[in-house]
Each structure stands twice: as structure tokens, then as C-alpha cells.
């Protein structure tokens, strides 16, 4: 990223499906998603408890990532092991493909390793030069305002996905404005995750849905 750039060091874009979507796959999406959901759960060694968090955000549970060891390495060694970063990024991309599929944004079945139409970029940090060694201890606390906003945004996104489910069944299309809103919620969430949990940046996440 160029010096002085205003772009946040985490970005998500999902290609809009400018075509008719598969109505059968849309109708049974929750059932269709179960096999890849199981793969993701087994891969990360966590469970997806429907009663604890809003719907697809289970796919982003912090149990997915190498968090506490990374925090300790940054605090005590000012180092972010590259393979831990690679794991976190790969899991974040896989989980994002899964939630994009579950939220009807795409109807290609989520790949475990191919990018497909979901583009997530989180630059690798220079821990010694770019990260404050003590800030990871309080980032989760500093992000509380975002948690509150995201809780309401998650509810709104669920309503939007339900509306879009009906729209696809009747018209075959995902309304573009609704699509952009759901992608924006995912983008916001991932910026907060990059800051507070993946610990790849010290830049406080912006309060916005857009890129």
C-alpha cells in the first residue's frame, strides 16, 4: 500500500451476479450449505451455535483464527509469524466465501481454496515497524462501538437477505442496492476483525459500509 494512502488495509469486494441466479439453489440454500459448513467447522475445530450469534456471523467466530498466540508474539517479540498470517487470511477468505453463498450473494458452491468471485485482501504487516506492541492488549476493548453498530447491522442484513431470497425466487435477480448493503456489512465486520482480532493493522476501522 502506498504511503499516505487513505485506503484501509483490509478490503473486500464481491462480484455482483449480473445474471439470473439459480432459483432451486436459492430456495434450498441453507440445506445446500450444510456440507461446506461442516467442512469449515471441522477445519477450524469450532462449533456453530445458532443461539449465540447472529446467523451467518458464526462463520467469523474468533475460534477460526490464531489470535492469542499472535497477540503474545507481537507483545513480547514484535513479530507476526508469516504462516500464522497465511492461515488467518486463508480461513478468512474461505469463511467469507461461505457466508457470501449463505447470504445468496453468489450461487457458485464455495471453494475451499479458490478465490472465485469473492476478493478479500489483508496486507501482511511489518510487526516491528507498523504495529504498536501494546495496542493488541486493548484493541478488542477499543472496538466496542463497532460491535454495537454491527449488531444492528447484522439484524438489518438478515432482513435484507430474506427480502432478497423472495426477490430471487420471483425475478431471478439479487437487487443491486441490497447486494451492496450486505457486502458492506461483511466489509465492515472484516475491517473490525483485521484490527481487533487478526491484529494486522493499528488503524482504527472507519464507520462505513463502502470501500
N, C-alpha and C. Protein backbone atom coordinates (compact mmCIF):
# COMPACT_ATOMS: atom_id res chain seq x y z
N UNK A 1 0.84 -1.19 0.00
CA UNK A 1 0.00 0.00 0.00
C UNK A 1 0.87 1.23 0.00
N UNK A 2 0.58 2.18 -0.87
CA UNK A 2 1.39 3.37 -0.99
C UNK A 2 1.32 4.20 0.29
N UNK A 3 2.43 4.86 0.63
CA UNK A 3 2.48 5.69 1.82
C UNK A 3 1.49 6.83 1.67
N UNK A 4 0.74 7.11 2.73
CA UNK A 4 -0.23 8.18 2.69
C UNK A 4 -1.56 7.78 2.10
N UNK A 5 -1.70 6.55 1.71
CA UNK A 5 -2.96 6.08 1.13
C UNK A 5 -4.06 6.12 2.17
N UNK A 6 -5.27 6.52 1.74
CA UNK A 6 -6.42 6.56 2.63
C UNK A 6 -7.17 5.23 2.63
N UNK A 7 -6.77 4.31 1.79
CA UNK A 7 -7.43 3.01 1.72
C UNK A 7 -7.13 2.22 2.99
N UNK A 8 -8.19 1.65 3.58
CA UNK A 8 -7.99 0.87 4.80
C UNK A 8 -7.27 -0.43 4.45
N UNK A 9 -6.31 -0.87 5.30
CA UNK A 9 -5.53 -2.08 4.98
C UNK A 9 -6.31 -3.38 5.20
N UNK A 10 -7.50 -3.43 4.68
CA UNK A 10 -8.33 -4.62 4.55
C UNK A 10 -9.42 -4.24 3.58
N UNK A 11 -9.59 -5.02 2.55
CA UNK A 11 -10.66 -4.69 1.62
C UNK A 11 -11.34 -5.96 1.12
N UNK A 12 -12.65 -5.83 0.96
CA UNK A 12 -13.46 -6.93 0.46
C UNK A 12 -14.31 -6.43 -0.69
N UNK A 13 -14.32 -7.19 -1.76
CA UNK A 13 -15.25 -6.95 -2.86
C UNK A 13 -15.79 -8.30 -3.33
N UNK A 14 -17.05 -8.29 -3.71
CA UNK A 14 -17.71 -9.50 -4.22
C UNK A 14 -18.36 -9.13 -5.54
N UNK A 15 -18.06 -9.88 -6.58
CA UNK A 15 -18.60 -9.58 -7.90
C UNK A 15 -20.12 -9.72 -7.90
N UNK A 16 -20.78 -8.69 -8.38
CA UNK A 16 -22.24 -8.74 -8.46
C UNK A 16 -22.66 -9.71 -9.56
N UNK A 17 -23.57 -10.65 -9.26
CA UNK A 17 -24.01 -11.61 -10.29
C UNK A 17 -25.04 -10.97 -11.21
N UNK A 18 -24.57 -10.33 -12.26
CA UNK A 18 -25.45 -9.61 -13.19
C UNK A 18 -26.08 -10.61 -14.17
N UNK A 19 -26.85 -11.51 -13.62
CA UNK A 19 -27.47 -12.58 -14.39
C UNK A 19 -28.57 -13.20 -13.53
N UNK A 20 -29.33 -14.09 -14.10
CA UNK A 20 -30.34 -14.81 -13.33
C UNK A 20 -29.67 -15.85 -12.44
N UNK A 21 -30.03 -15.85 -11.17
CA UNK A 21 -29.48 -16.80 -10.22
C UNK A 21 -30.31 -18.07 -10.19
N UNK A 22 -29.72 -19.14 -9.73
CA UNK A 22 -30.39 -20.44 -9.68
C UNK A 22 -31.47 -20.43 -8.60
N UNK A 23 -32.72 -20.52 -8.98
CA UNK A 23 -33.82 -20.43 -8.02
C UNK A 23 -33.90 -21.66 -7.12
N UNK A 24 -33.61 -22.83 -7.66
CA UNK A 24 -33.65 -24.04 -6.86
C UNK A 24 -32.60 -24.00 -5.77
N UNK A 25 -31.37 -23.61 -6.15
CA UNK A 25 -30.30 -23.50 -5.18
C UNK A 25 -30.63 -22.44 -4.13
N UNK A 26 -31.23 -21.35 -4.57
CA UNK A 26 -31.62 -20.28 -3.64
C UNK A 26 -32.65 -20.77 -2.64
N UNK A 27 -33.65 -21.49 -3.12
CA UNK A 27 -34.73 -21.96 -2.25
C UNK A 27 -34.20 -22.87 -1.15
N UNK A 28 -33.26 -23.75 -1.50
CA UNK A 28 -32.74 -24.72 -0.54
C UNK A 28 -31.36 -24.32 -0.01
N UNK A 29 -31.02 -23.04 -0.04
CA UNK A 29 -29.65 -22.62 0.25
C UNK A 29 -29.14 -23.11 1.60
N UNK A 30 -29.94 -23.00 2.65
CA UNK A 30 -29.47 -23.42 3.97
C UNK A 30 -29.12 -24.91 3.97
N UNK A 31 -29.94 -25.72 3.30
CA UNK A 31 -29.65 -27.16 3.22
C UNK A 31 -28.42 -27.41 2.36
N UNK A 32 -28.33 -26.72 1.23
CA UNK A 32 -27.20 -26.89 0.31
C UNK A 32 -25.88 -26.54 1.01
N UNK A 33 -25.93 -25.59 1.95
CA UNK A 33 -24.71 -25.09 2.60
C UNK A 33 -24.20 -26.00 3.71
N UNK A 34 -25.01 -26.97 4.14
CA UNK A 34 -24.62 -27.79 5.30
C UNK A 34 -23.29 -28.54 5.08
N UNK A 35 -23.05 -29.19 3.93
CA UNK A 35 -21.77 -29.91 3.79
C UNK A 35 -20.55 -29.01 3.93
N UNK A 36 -20.56 -27.85 3.30
CA UNK A 36 -19.39 -26.96 3.38
C UNK A 36 -19.31 -26.33 4.76
N UNK A 37 -20.43 -26.15 5.41
CA UNK A 37 -20.47 -25.68 6.79
C UNK A 37 -19.75 -26.67 7.70
N UNK A 38 -20.01 -27.96 7.50
CA UNK A 38 -19.37 -28.99 8.30
C UNK A 38 -17.85 -29.00 8.06
N UNK A 39 -17.47 -28.85 6.79
CA UNK A 39 -16.03 -28.80 6.47
C UNK A 39 -15.36 -27.64 7.19
N UNK A 40 -15.99 -26.47 7.14
CA UNK A 40 -15.42 -25.30 7.80
C UNK A 40 -15.34 -25.51 9.31
N UNK A 41 -16.38 -26.08 9.90
CA UNK A 41 -16.38 -26.33 11.34
C UNK A 41 -15.28 -27.31 11.73
N UNK A 42 -15.13 -28.38 10.95
CA UNK A 42 -14.09 -29.36 11.25
C UNK A 42 -12.69 -28.77 11.07
N UNK A 43 -12.55 -27.92 10.05
CA UNK A 43 -11.25 -27.33 9.75
C UNK A 43 -10.77 -26.45 10.89
N UNK A 44 -11.66 -25.68 11.46
CA UNK A 44 -11.24 -24.73 12.48
C UNK A 44 -11.43 -25.26 13.90
N UNK A 45 -12.02 -26.46 14.02
CA UNK A 45 -12.17 -27.05 15.34
C UNK A 45 -13.11 -26.28 16.23
N UNK A 46 -14.16 -25.74 15.67
CA UNK A 46 -15.12 -24.98 16.47
C UNK A 46 -16.51 -25.43 16.10
N UNK A 47 -17.49 -24.96 16.84
CA UNK A 47 -18.88 -25.29 16.57
C UNK A 47 -19.63 -24.03 16.20
N UNK A 48 -20.74 -24.22 15.53
CA UNK A 48 -21.55 -23.11 15.11
C UNK A 48 -22.86 -23.15 15.88
N UNK A 49 -22.94 -22.39 16.95
CA UNK A 49 -24.12 -22.41 17.82
C UNK A 49 -25.09 -21.33 17.38
N UNK A 50 -26.17 -21.72 16.80
CA UNK A 50 -27.13 -20.78 16.24
C UNK A 50 -27.67 -19.81 17.28
N UNK A 51 -27.72 -20.23 18.55
CA UNK A 51 -28.36 -19.39 19.55
C UNK A 51 -27.46 -18.29 20.07
N UNK A 52 -26.20 -18.26 19.76
CA UNK A 52 -25.30 -17.33 20.40
C UNK A 52 -25.04 -16.07 19.59
N UNK A 53 -24.95 -16.14 18.29
CA UNK A 53 -24.60 -15.00 17.47
C UNK A 53 -25.54 -14.92 16.28
N UNK A 54 -25.60 -13.72 15.65
CA UNK A 54 -26.49 -13.57 14.51
C UNK A 54 -26.10 -14.44 13.32
N UNK A 55 -26.87 -15.38 13.00
CA UNK A 55 -26.90 -16.17 11.78
C UNK A 55 -25.52 -16.43 11.19
N UNK A 56 -25.24 -15.91 9.96
CA UNK A 56 -24.01 -16.32 9.28
C UNK A 56 -22.76 -15.82 9.97
N UNK A 57 -22.86 -14.87 10.92
CA UNK A 57 -21.67 -14.36 11.56
C UNK A 57 -20.99 -15.43 12.40
N UNK A 58 -21.67 -16.59 12.57
CA UNK A 58 -21.00 -17.74 13.18
C UNK A 58 -19.74 -18.09 12.38
N UNK A 59 -19.79 -17.91 11.07
CA UNK A 59 -18.67 -18.26 10.22
C UNK A 59 -17.43 -17.43 10.49
N UNK A 60 -17.62 -16.32 11.23
CA UNK A 60 -16.49 -15.46 11.54
C UNK A 60 -16.09 -15.52 13.01
N UNK A 61 -16.56 -16.56 13.74
CA UNK A 61 -16.23 -16.67 15.16
C UNK A 61 -14.73 -16.62 15.38
N UNK A 62 -14.31 -16.01 16.50
CA UNK A 62 -12.87 -15.82 16.70
C UNK A 62 -12.13 -17.14 16.88
N UNK A 63 -12.86 -18.24 17.12
CA UNK A 63 -12.21 -19.53 17.20
C UNK A 63 -11.58 -19.95 15.88
N UNK A 64 -11.93 -19.25 14.80
CA UNK A 64 -11.38 -19.58 13.49
C UNK A 64 -9.90 -19.25 13.38
N UNK A 65 -9.46 -18.24 14.12
CA UNK A 65 -8.17 -17.64 13.83
C UNK A 65 -7.14 -17.88 14.93
N UNK A 66 -5.86 -17.71 14.54
CA UNK A 66 -4.77 -17.75 15.50
C UNK A 66 -4.67 -16.35 16.10
N UNK A 67 -5.29 -16.15 17.28
CA UNK A 67 -5.40 -14.81 17.85
C UNK A 67 -4.48 -14.63 19.05
N UNK A 68 -4.71 -15.40 20.09
CA UNK A 68 -3.94 -15.21 21.32
C UNK A 68 -2.44 -15.43 21.11
N UNK A 69 -2.02 -16.50 20.39
CA UNK A 69 -0.58 -16.63 20.15
C UNK A 69 0.00 -15.44 19.38
N UNK A 70 -0.78 -14.92 18.41
CA UNK A 70 -0.31 -13.75 17.66
C UNK A 70 -0.17 -12.55 18.57
N UNK A 71 -1.14 -12.35 19.42
CA UNK A 71 -1.08 -11.23 20.37
C UNK A 71 0.19 -11.33 21.23
N UNK A 72 0.48 -12.51 21.75
CA UNK A 72 1.65 -12.68 22.60
C UNK A 72 2.94 -12.45 21.83
N UNK A 73 2.99 -12.91 20.58
CA UNK A 73 4.19 -12.71 19.77
C UNK A 73 4.42 -11.23 19.48
N UNK A 74 3.36 -10.50 19.21
CA UNK A 74 3.51 -9.07 18.95
C UNK A 74 3.96 -8.34 20.21
N UNK A 75 3.37 -8.68 21.35
CA UNK A 75 3.71 -8.00 22.60
C UNK A 75 5.14 -8.30 23.03
N UNK A 76 5.53 -9.56 22.99
CA UNK A 76 6.82 -9.94 23.56
C UNK A 76 7.97 -10.00 22.54
N UNK A 77 7.64 -10.24 21.27
CA UNK A 77 8.70 -10.38 20.27
C UNK A 77 8.60 -9.37 19.13
N UNK A 78 7.51 -8.60 19.10
CA UNK A 78 7.24 -7.68 17.99
C UNK A 78 7.38 -8.41 16.65
N UNK A 79 6.69 -9.55 16.59
CA UNK A 79 6.77 -10.40 15.41
C UNK A 79 5.40 -11.00 15.11
N UNK A 80 5.07 -11.07 13.82
CA UNK A 80 3.83 -11.71 13.38
C UNK A 80 4.24 -12.84 12.44
N UNK A 81 4.31 -14.09 12.93
CA UNK A 81 4.77 -15.20 12.09
C UNK A 81 4.00 -15.27 10.78
N UNK A 82 4.71 -15.37 9.68
CA UNK A 82 4.08 -15.32 8.37
C UNK A 82 3.08 -16.46 8.18
N UNK A 83 3.39 -17.64 8.68
CA UNK A 83 2.48 -18.76 8.43
C UNK A 83 1.20 -18.63 9.25
N UNK A 84 1.28 -17.94 10.39
CA UNK A 84 0.05 -17.65 11.13
C UNK A 84 -0.82 -16.67 10.34
N UNK A 85 -0.19 -15.66 9.76
CA UNK A 85 -0.91 -14.71 8.91
C UNK A 85 -1.54 -15.43 7.72
N UNK A 86 -0.77 -16.30 7.06
CA UNK A 86 -1.29 -17.03 5.90
C UNK A 86 -2.50 -17.88 6.29
N UNK A 87 -2.43 -18.52 7.44
CA UNK A 87 -3.57 -19.33 7.93
C UNK A 87 -4.79 -18.43 8.16
N UNK A 88 -4.58 -17.34 8.89
CA UNK A 88 -5.69 -16.44 9.19
C UNK A 88 -6.34 -15.89 7.92
N UNK A 89 -5.51 -15.52 6.95
CA UNK A 89 -6.05 -14.98 5.71
C UNK A 89 -6.80 -16.04 4.93
N UNK A 90 -6.23 -17.25 4.86
CA UNK A 90 -6.89 -18.33 4.12
C UNK A 90 -8.24 -18.68 4.76
N UNK A 91 -8.28 -18.74 6.09
CA UNK A 91 -9.53 -19.05 6.77
C UNK A 91 -10.54 -17.92 6.58
N UNK A 92 -10.08 -16.68 6.66
CA UNK A 92 -10.97 -15.53 6.45
C UNK A 92 -11.57 -15.57 5.04
N UNK A 93 -10.77 -15.92 4.06
CA UNK A 93 -11.28 -15.98 2.68
C UNK A 93 -12.29 -17.12 2.52
N UNK A 94 -11.95 -18.28 3.08
CA UNK A 94 -12.86 -19.42 2.99
C UNK A 94 -14.19 -19.11 3.69
N UNK A 95 -14.12 -18.56 4.90
CA UNK A 95 -15.33 -18.23 5.65
C UNK A 95 -16.16 -17.18 4.91
N UNK A 96 -15.48 -16.23 4.27
CA UNK A 96 -16.21 -15.19 3.54
C UNK A 96 -16.90 -15.76 2.32
N UNK A 97 -16.25 -16.69 1.62
CA UNK A 97 -16.94 -17.35 0.50
C UNK A 97 -18.17 -18.10 1.00
N UNK A 98 -18.04 -18.72 2.17
CA UNK A 98 -19.16 -19.46 2.73
C UNK A 98 -20.33 -18.53 3.06
N UNK A 99 -20.05 -17.43 3.78
CA UNK A 99 -21.15 -16.55 4.16
C UNK A 99 -21.74 -15.83 2.95
N UNK A 100 -20.91 -15.56 1.93
CA UNK A 100 -21.44 -14.97 0.70
C UNK A 100 -22.43 -15.92 0.03
N UNK A 101 -22.10 -17.20 0.05
CA UNK A 101 -23.01 -18.20 -0.51
C UNK A 101 -24.28 -18.31 0.33
N UNK A 102 -24.12 -18.35 1.65
CA UNK A 102 -25.27 -18.47 2.54
C UNK A 102 -26.18 -17.25 2.44
N UNK A 103 -25.59 -16.08 2.23
CA UNK A 103 -26.36 -14.85 2.11
C UNK A 103 -26.87 -14.61 0.68
N UNK A 104 -26.71 -15.61 -0.19
CA UNK A 104 -27.27 -15.60 -1.55
C UNK A 104 -26.56 -14.63 -2.50
N UNK A 105 -25.40 -14.10 -2.07
CA UNK A 105 -24.69 -13.14 -2.91
C UNK A 105 -24.13 -13.79 -4.17
N UNK A 106 -23.81 -15.06 -4.08
CA UNK A 106 -23.35 -15.84 -5.22
C UNK A 106 -24.01 -17.22 -5.16
N UNK A 107 -24.13 -17.87 -6.30
CA UNK A 107 -24.68 -19.23 -6.26
C UNK A 107 -23.68 -20.30 -6.66
N UNK A 108 -22.39 -19.91 -6.90
CA UNK A 108 -21.36 -20.93 -7.04
C UNK A 108 -21.10 -21.56 -5.66
N UNK A 109 -20.93 -22.88 -5.64
CA UNK A 109 -20.67 -23.52 -4.36
C UNK A 109 -19.29 -23.08 -3.86
N UNK A 110 -19.16 -22.72 -2.58
CA UNK A 110 -17.90 -22.16 -2.08
C UNK A 110 -16.73 -23.13 -2.21
N UNK A 111 -15.64 -22.64 -2.75
CA UNK A 111 -14.41 -23.42 -2.84
C UNK A 111 -13.64 -23.32 -1.54
N UNK A 112 -12.91 -24.38 -1.20
CA UNK A 112 -12.08 -24.33 -0.01
C UNK A 112 -10.80 -23.52 -0.23
N UNK A 113 -10.40 -23.35 -1.50
CA UNK A 113 -9.12 -22.69 -1.75
C UNK A 113 -9.12 -21.69 -2.91
N UNK A 114 -10.05 -21.78 -3.84
CA UNK A 114 -10.05 -20.86 -4.99
C UNK A 114 -10.79 -19.58 -4.64
N UNK A 115 -10.33 -18.47 -5.20
CA UNK A 115 -10.88 -17.15 -4.88
C UNK A 115 -12.32 -17.00 -5.35
N UNK A 116 -12.64 -17.56 -6.50
CA UNK A 116 -13.95 -17.43 -7.11
C UNK A 116 -14.30 -15.95 -7.29
N UNK A 117 -15.48 -15.52 -6.86
CA UNK A 117 -15.91 -14.13 -7.08
C UNK A 117 -15.79 -13.29 -5.81
N UNK A 118 -15.16 -13.84 -4.79
CA UNK A 118 -15.02 -13.14 -3.51
C UNK A 118 -13.55 -12.74 -3.34
N UNK A 119 -13.31 -11.44 -3.26
CA UNK A 119 -11.93 -10.92 -3.26
C UNK A 119 -11.65 -10.23 -1.92
N UNK A 120 -10.85 -10.87 -1.10
CA UNK A 120 -10.51 -10.34 0.21
C UNK A 120 -9.00 -10.15 0.29
N UNK A 121 -8.60 -8.95 0.65
CA UNK A 121 -7.17 -8.64 0.75
C UNK A 121 -6.88 -8.03 2.12
N UNK A 122 -5.93 -8.63 2.84
CA UNK A 122 -5.45 -8.11 4.12
C UNK A 122 -3.93 -8.11 4.04
N UNK A 123 -3.31 -6.94 3.88
CA UNK A 123 -1.84 -6.91 3.73
C UNK A 123 -1.12 -7.46 4.95
N UNK A 124 0.00 -8.13 4.68
CA UNK A 124 0.83 -8.66 5.76
C UNK A 124 1.55 -7.50 6.46
N UNK A 125 1.47 -7.43 7.80
CA UNK A 125 2.07 -6.29 8.50
C UNK A 125 3.54 -6.51 8.83
N UNK A 126 4.28 -5.41 8.88
CA UNK A 126 5.62 -5.43 9.45
C UNK A 126 5.44 -5.14 10.94
N UNK A 127 5.44 -6.18 11.74
CA UNK A 127 5.06 -6.04 13.15
C UNK A 127 5.96 -5.07 13.90
N UNK A 128 7.25 -5.09 13.61
CA UNK A 128 8.18 -4.24 14.36
C UNK A 128 8.02 -2.77 14.00
N UNK A 129 7.75 -2.48 12.72
CA UNK A 129 7.69 -1.09 12.28
C UNK A 129 6.27 -0.52 12.24
N UNK A 130 5.29 -1.39 11.98
CA UNK A 130 3.93 -0.89 11.73
C UNK A 130 2.94 -1.12 12.86
N UNK A 131 3.27 -1.98 13.81
CA UNK A 131 2.32 -2.32 14.87
C UNK A 131 2.87 -1.90 16.23
N UNK A 132 2.02 -1.25 17.02
CA UNK A 132 2.35 -0.93 18.40
C UNK A 132 2.29 -2.21 19.22
N UNK A 133 3.34 -2.53 19.93
CA UNK A 133 3.41 -3.82 20.60
C UNK A 133 2.39 -3.96 21.73
N UNK A 134 1.92 -2.85 22.31
CA UNK A 134 1.00 -2.93 23.44
C UNK A 134 -0.46 -2.78 23.03
N UNK A 135 -0.71 -2.24 21.87
CA UNK A 135 -2.08 -1.98 21.45
C UNK A 135 -2.94 -3.25 21.33
N UNK A 136 -2.39 -4.40 20.92
CA UNK A 136 -3.23 -5.61 20.85
C UNK A 136 -3.91 -5.98 22.16
N UNK A 137 -3.37 -5.53 23.28
CA UNK A 137 -3.97 -5.84 24.58
C UNK A 137 -5.32 -5.16 24.78
N UNK A 138 -5.54 -4.06 24.06
CA UNK A 138 -6.77 -3.28 24.28
C UNK A 138 -7.60 -3.10 23.02
N UNK A 139 -7.15 -3.62 21.88
CA UNK A 139 -7.90 -3.40 20.65
C UNK A 139 -9.33 -3.93 20.73
N UNK A 140 -9.49 -5.10 21.35
CA UNK A 140 -10.83 -5.68 21.47
C UNK A 140 -11.76 -4.75 22.25
N UNK A 141 -11.18 -4.00 23.21
CA UNK A 141 -11.97 -3.07 24.01
C UNK A 141 -12.27 -1.80 23.22
N UNK A 142 -11.29 -1.31 22.49
CA UNK A 142 -11.48 -0.10 21.69
C UNK A 142 -12.51 -0.30 20.59
N UNK A 143 -12.71 -1.55 20.18
CA UNK A 143 -13.64 -1.84 19.08
C UNK A 143 -15.09 -1.98 19.55
N UNK A 144 -15.37 -1.79 20.82
CA UNK A 144 -16.73 -1.97 21.34
C UNK A 144 -17.76 -1.14 20.58
N UNK A 145 -17.51 0.13 20.25
CA UNK A 145 -18.51 0.88 19.47
C UNK A 145 -18.87 0.18 18.16
N UNK A 146 -17.90 -0.45 17.53
CA UNK A 146 -18.18 -1.19 16.29
C UNK A 146 -19.06 -2.41 16.56
N UNK A 147 -18.81 -3.11 17.67
CA UNK A 147 -19.64 -4.28 17.98
C UNK A 147 -21.11 -3.89 18.08
N UNK A 148 -21.36 -2.75 18.72
CA UNK A 148 -22.74 -2.29 18.91
C UNK A 148 -23.39 -2.00 17.56
N UNK A 149 -22.67 -1.25 16.73
CA UNK A 149 -23.21 -0.91 15.40
C UNK A 149 -23.41 -2.17 14.57
N UNK A 150 -22.45 -3.07 14.61
CA UNK A 150 -22.54 -4.29 13.80
C UNK A 150 -23.66 -5.20 14.25
N UNK A 151 -24.01 -5.16 15.51
CA UNK A 151 -25.13 -5.96 15.99
C UNK A 151 -26.41 -5.54 15.27
N UNK A 152 -26.63 -4.23 15.18
CA UNK A 152 -27.81 -3.73 14.49
C UNK A 152 -27.71 -3.95 12.98
N UNK A 153 -26.51 -3.78 12.43
CA UNK A 153 -26.33 -4.01 11.00
C UNK A 153 -26.56 -5.47 10.65
N UNK A 154 -26.17 -6.38 11.53
CA UNK A 154 -26.38 -7.81 11.27
C UNK A 154 -27.87 -8.12 11.19
N UNK A 155 -28.65 -7.54 12.08
CA UNK A 155 -30.10 -7.75 12.04
C UNK A 155 -30.67 -7.21 10.74
N UNK A 156 -30.23 -6.01 10.36
CA UNK A 156 -30.71 -5.42 9.11
C UNK A 156 -30.31 -6.28 7.92
N UNK A 157 -29.09 -6.82 7.95
CA UNK A 157 -28.62 -7.65 6.84
C UNK A 157 -29.43 -8.93 6.73
N UNK A 158 -29.81 -9.50 7.85
CA UNK A 158 -30.64 -10.71 7.82
C UNK A 158 -31.97 -10.41 7.15
N UNK A 159 -32.58 -9.28 7.50
CA UNK A 159 -33.84 -8.89 6.87
C UNK A 159 -33.65 -8.69 5.37
N UNK A 160 -32.55 -8.05 4.99
CA UNK A 160 -32.27 -7.80 3.58
C UNK A 160 -32.10 -9.12 2.82
N UNK A 161 -31.41 -10.09 3.42
CA UNK A 161 -31.21 -11.38 2.76
C UNK A 161 -32.55 -12.10 2.58
N UNK A 162 -33.41 -12.01 3.57
CA UNK A 162 -34.73 -12.64 3.44
C UNK A 162 -35.52 -11.99 2.30
N UNK A 163 -35.50 -10.66 2.25
CA UNK A 163 -36.18 -9.95 1.15
C UNK A 163 -35.58 -10.36 -0.19
N UNK A 164 -34.26 -10.46 -0.24
CA UNK A 164 -33.58 -10.84 -1.48
C UNK A 164 -33.89 -12.27 -1.88
N UNK A 165 -34.09 -13.14 -0.90
CA UNK A 165 -34.47 -14.53 -1.17
C UNK A 165 -35.77 -14.57 -1.96
N UNK A 166 -36.76 -13.78 -1.53
CA UNK A 166 -38.02 -13.71 -2.26
C UNK A 166 -37.82 -13.08 -3.64
N UNK A 167 -36.99 -12.03 -3.70
CA UNK A 167 -36.75 -11.36 -4.98
C UNK A 167 -36.14 -12.32 -6.00
N UNK A 168 -35.19 -13.13 -5.55
CA UNK A 168 -34.54 -14.09 -6.46
C UNK A 168 -35.54 -15.14 -6.92
N UNK A 169 -36.35 -15.63 -5.99
CA UNK A 169 -37.33 -16.65 -6.36
C UNK A 169 -38.34 -16.15 -7.39
N UNK A 170 -38.69 -14.86 -7.29
CA UNK A 170 -39.71 -14.32 -8.21
C UNK A 170 -39.10 -13.73 -9.48
N UNK A 171 -37.89 -13.16 -9.38
CA UNK A 171 -37.32 -12.46 -10.54
C UNK A 171 -36.01 -13.08 -11.03
N UNK A 172 -35.38 -13.89 -10.19
CA UNK A 172 -34.09 -14.47 -10.55
C UNK A 172 -32.92 -13.54 -10.29
N UNK A 173 -33.19 -12.33 -9.78
CA UNK A 173 -32.12 -11.35 -9.60
C UNK A 173 -32.00 -10.92 -8.14
N UNK A 174 -30.76 -10.61 -7.75
CA UNK A 174 -30.49 -10.05 -6.42
C UNK A 174 -30.48 -8.53 -6.59
N UNK A 175 -31.42 -7.79 -5.98
CA UNK A 175 -31.43 -6.33 -6.13
C UNK A 175 -30.07 -5.73 -5.79
N UNK A 176 -29.56 -4.90 -6.71
CA UNK A 176 -28.18 -4.40 -6.58
C UNK A 176 -27.97 -3.61 -5.30
N UNK A 177 -28.90 -2.75 -4.92
CA UNK A 177 -28.74 -1.95 -3.71
C UNK A 177 -28.69 -2.83 -2.47
N UNK A 178 -29.51 -3.87 -2.46
CA UNK A 178 -29.50 -4.79 -1.31
C UNK A 178 -28.20 -5.59 -1.28
N UNK A 179 -27.73 -6.00 -2.45
CA UNK A 179 -26.46 -6.71 -2.57
C UNK A 179 -25.33 -5.86 -1.99
N UNK A 180 -25.27 -4.60 -2.39
CA UNK A 180 -24.20 -3.70 -1.92
C UNK A 180 -24.27 -3.51 -0.41
N UNK A 181 -25.48 -3.46 0.14
CA UNK A 181 -25.61 -3.30 1.59
C UNK A 181 -25.03 -4.50 2.33
N UNK A 182 -25.39 -5.70 1.91
CA UNK A 182 -24.91 -6.91 2.59
C UNK A 182 -23.39 -7.01 2.47
N UNK A 183 -22.86 -6.74 1.28
CA UNK A 183 -21.40 -6.76 1.12
C UNK A 183 -20.76 -5.73 2.03
N UNK A 184 -21.39 -4.56 2.15
CA UNK A 184 -20.86 -3.51 3.02
C UNK A 184 -20.81 -3.93 4.48
N UNK A 185 -21.82 -4.66 4.93
CA UNK A 185 -21.82 -5.17 6.31
C UNK A 185 -20.68 -6.16 6.50
N UNK A 186 -20.50 -7.06 5.54
CA UNK A 186 -19.37 -8.01 5.63
C UNK A 186 -18.04 -7.26 5.66
N UNK A 187 -17.93 -6.23 4.82
CA UNK A 187 -16.68 -5.45 4.74
C UNK A 187 -16.40 -4.78 6.08
N UNK A 188 -17.43 -4.19 6.66
CA UNK A 188 -17.28 -3.52 7.96
C UNK A 188 -16.82 -4.52 9.01
N UNK A 189 -17.49 -5.66 9.05
CA UNK A 189 -17.12 -6.69 10.04
C UNK A 189 -15.66 -7.11 9.87
N UNK A 190 -15.23 -7.33 8.65
CA UNK A 190 -13.87 -7.81 8.42
C UNK A 190 -12.82 -6.76 8.75
N UNK A 191 -13.15 -5.49 8.56
CA UNK A 191 -12.22 -4.44 8.98
C UNK A 191 -12.04 -4.46 10.49
N UNK A 192 -13.13 -4.64 11.21
CA UNK A 192 -13.04 -4.74 12.67
C UNK A 192 -12.25 -5.99 13.07
N UNK A 193 -12.50 -7.09 12.37
CA UNK A 193 -11.76 -8.33 12.66
C UNK A 193 -10.27 -8.15 12.40
N UNK A 194 -9.91 -7.49 11.31
CA UNK A 194 -8.50 -7.27 11.00
C UNK A 194 -7.83 -6.43 12.08
N UNK A 195 -8.55 -5.47 12.61
CA UNK A 195 -8.00 -4.58 13.64
C UNK A 195 -7.93 -5.25 15.00
N UNK A 196 -9.05 -5.82 15.46
CA UNK A 196 -9.15 -6.26 16.84
C UNK A 196 -8.74 -7.70 17.09
N UNK A 197 -8.82 -8.56 16.05
CA UNK A 197 -8.59 -9.99 16.28
C UNK A 197 -7.45 -10.55 15.42
N UNK A 198 -7.44 -10.22 14.14
CA UNK A 198 -6.31 -10.67 13.32
C UNK A 198 -5.06 -9.84 13.61
N UNK A 199 -5.24 -8.63 14.12
CA UNK A 199 -4.14 -7.77 14.58
C UNK A 199 -3.18 -7.39 13.46
N UNK A 200 -3.69 -7.26 12.25
CA UNK A 200 -2.82 -6.94 11.11
C UNK A 200 -2.63 -5.45 10.91
N UNK A 201 -3.38 -4.62 11.61
CA UNK A 201 -3.25 -3.17 11.45
C UNK A 201 -3.60 -2.47 12.75
N UNK A 202 -3.00 -1.29 12.95
CA UNK A 202 -3.34 -0.45 14.10
C UNK A 202 -4.28 0.68 13.71
N UNK A 203 -4.62 0.78 12.44
CA UNK A 203 -5.55 1.82 12.01
C UNK A 203 -6.97 1.49 12.45
N UNK A 204 -7.59 2.43 13.15
CA UNK A 204 -8.94 2.18 13.65
C UNK A 204 -9.91 2.07 12.48
N UNK A 205 -10.80 1.08 12.49
CA UNK A 205 -11.70 0.88 11.35
C UNK A 205 -12.66 2.05 11.16
N UNK A 206 -12.91 2.43 9.92
CA UNK A 206 -13.88 3.51 9.68
C UNK A 206 -15.31 3.01 9.89
N UNK A 207 -16.20 3.92 10.23
CA UNK A 207 -17.62 3.60 10.39
C UNK A 207 -18.30 3.82 9.04
N UNK A 208 -18.11 2.86 8.14
CA UNK A 208 -18.74 2.97 6.83
C UNK A 208 -18.85 1.61 6.19
N UNK A 209 -19.81 1.52 5.27
CA UNK A 209 -20.04 0.27 4.52
C UNK A 209 -19.23 0.22 3.23
N UNK A 210 -18.90 1.39 2.69
CA UNK A 210 -18.26 1.44 1.37
C UNK A 210 -16.78 1.13 1.47
N UNK A 211 -16.15 0.96 0.32
CA UNK A 211 -14.71 0.66 0.27
C UNK A 211 -13.90 1.87 0.73
